[in-house]
Protein backbone atom coordinates (compact mmCIF):
# COMPACT_ATOMS: atom_id res chain seq x y z
CA GLY A 1 -70.98 25.14 53.89
CA GLU A 2 -74.02 27.14 54.83
CA ARG A 3 -74.62 27.84 58.47
CA SER A 4 -77.84 26.74 60.13
CA ASP A 5 -79.05 26.73 63.72
CA MET A 6 -77.53 23.27 64.21
CA GLY A 7 -74.14 23.86 62.58
CA LEU A 8 -72.65 23.88 59.10
CA CYS A 9 -74.50 22.01 56.36
CA CYS A 10 -72.63 19.04 54.96
CA PRO A 11 -70.94 19.93 51.65
CA VAL A 12 -71.88 16.55 50.12
CA SER A 13 -74.79 16.92 47.71
CA GLY A 14 -77.98 15.35 49.07
CA CYS A 15 -76.60 14.90 52.60
CA SER A 16 -78.71 16.39 55.37
CA GLY A 17 -76.01 15.97 58.01
CA ARG A 18 -74.57 18.83 60.03
CA MET A 19 -70.94 19.60 60.78
CA ARG A 20 -69.60 21.25 63.89
CA VAL A 21 -66.33 23.03 64.47
CA GLU A 22 -63.76 20.78 66.15
CA TYR A 23 -60.71 22.99 65.66
CA THR A 24 -60.33 26.72 65.54
CA SER A 25 -58.74 28.15 62.41
CA GLU A 26 -55.66 29.02 64.45
CA ALA A 27 -55.33 25.50 65.86
CA LEU A 28 -55.64 24.00 62.38
CA TYR A 29 -53.01 26.42 61.04
CA LEU A 30 -50.58 25.49 63.83
CA GLN A 31 -51.20 21.76 63.32
CA ILE A 32 -50.49 22.00 59.59
CA LEU A 33 -47.41 24.15 60.27
CA TYR A 34 -46.14 21.36 62.55
CA LEU A 35 -46.94 18.69 59.93
CA LYS A 36 -45.06 20.70 57.31
CA SER A 37 -41.98 20.66 59.55
CA LEU A 38 -42.20 16.85 59.84
CA PHE A 39 -42.06 16.40 56.05
CA ASP A 40 -39.38 19.04 55.35
CA LEU A 41 -36.50 17.04 53.86
CA ARG A 42 -34.38 20.13 53.11
CA GLY A 43 -34.85 21.40 56.64
CA ALA A 44 -33.92 18.01 58.07
CA GLN A 45 -30.78 17.89 55.89
CA SER A 46 -29.81 21.37 57.06
CA LYS A 47 -30.22 20.35 60.72
CA LEU A 48 -28.21 17.19 60.11
CA ASN A 49 -25.41 19.21 58.50
CA ALA A 50 -25.34 21.58 61.49
CA GLU A 51 -25.25 18.64 63.90
CA ASN A 52 -22.41 17.01 61.97
CA ARG A 53 -20.39 20.26 62.09
CA GLN A 54 -20.78 20.28 65.87
CA ARG A 55 -19.86 16.60 66.07
CA SER A 56 -16.72 17.27 63.99
CA GLU A 57 -15.66 19.96 66.46
CA ARG A 58 -15.99 17.41 69.28
CA ASN A 59 -14.20 14.67 67.30
CA MET A 60 -17.35 12.57 67.11
CA GLY A 61 -18.52 10.49 64.15
CA HIS A 62 -20.93 11.88 61.60
CA LEU A 63 -24.58 10.92 61.47
CA LEU A 64 -25.94 9.64 58.17
CA PRO A 65 -29.41 10.44 56.83
CA PRO A 66 -31.78 7.53 56.27
CA LYS A 67 -31.74 6.08 52.79
CA LEU A 68 -35.02 6.96 51.08
CA SER A 69 -36.28 5.67 47.76
CA ASP A 70 -37.32 8.08 45.02
CA VAL A 71 -40.95 7.20 45.76
CA GLU A 72 -40.50 8.02 49.45
CA VAL A 73 -38.79 11.33 48.65
CA GLY A 74 -41.55 12.18 46.16
CA SER A 75 -44.25 11.35 48.70
CA LEU A 76 -42.65 13.43 51.45
CA ASP A 77 -42.16 16.35 49.05
CA ALA A 78 -45.80 16.10 47.92
CA ILE A 79 -47.07 16.21 51.50
CA TRP A 80 -44.74 19.14 52.30
CA THR A 81 -46.02 20.98 49.21
CA ASP A 82 -49.66 20.38 50.14
CA CYS A 83 -49.04 21.72 53.64
CA ASP A 84 -47.13 24.70 52.25
CA ASN A 85 -49.91 25.52 49.77
CA PHE A 86 -52.55 25.39 52.52
CA LEU A 87 -50.47 27.63 54.76
CA ARG A 88 -49.87 30.16 51.97
CA GLU A 89 -53.64 30.49 51.48
CA SER A 90 -54.28 30.97 55.19
CA ALA A 91 -54.84 34.44 56.57
CA TYR A 92 -52.63 33.46 59.51
CA SER A 93 -49.56 33.44 57.25
CA VAL A 94 -49.92 37.15 56.40
CA VAL A 95 -48.98 39.98 58.72
CA ASN A 96 -50.31 43.35 57.66
CA LEU A 97 -47.39 45.53 58.79
CA SER A 98 -49.11 48.80 57.93
CA SER A 99 -51.97 48.06 60.31
CA LEU A 100 -49.56 46.72 62.92
CA PHE A 101 -47.43 49.85 62.86
CA SER A 102 -50.44 52.17 62.62
CA LEU A 103 -51.60 50.77 65.98
CA THR A 104 -48.15 51.50 67.41
CA ALA A 105 -48.20 55.04 65.99
CA GLN A 106 -51.67 55.63 67.44
CA ALA A 107 -50.48 54.47 70.86
CA ASP A 108 -47.46 56.80 70.65
CA GLU A 109 -49.68 59.74 69.70
CA ALA A 110 -51.97 59.05 72.66
CA ASP A 111 -49.03 59.31 75.09
């Protein structure tokens, strides 16, 4: 929204309310990154497989994943995808290596 002296204008047409920043962009990025990890079924399966390999080496029983319905799997995948899409659009997900290494080169030249 547009910025005014009292904060951001509400994006809802006809609303005269003002919004204020509650989270920094970085904090929001980190929160969504954490949420993405909570809904990552493939990542959870990978961790479970690794745990079961370790349990096999110690002669312990295997852990079983929870049984999820197709609707539950679809919902979790949709949330994961939404989080992933948001993170891909965030400037925090991109590291400009040329600028990073140019700073290092400049520091080396100064020495």
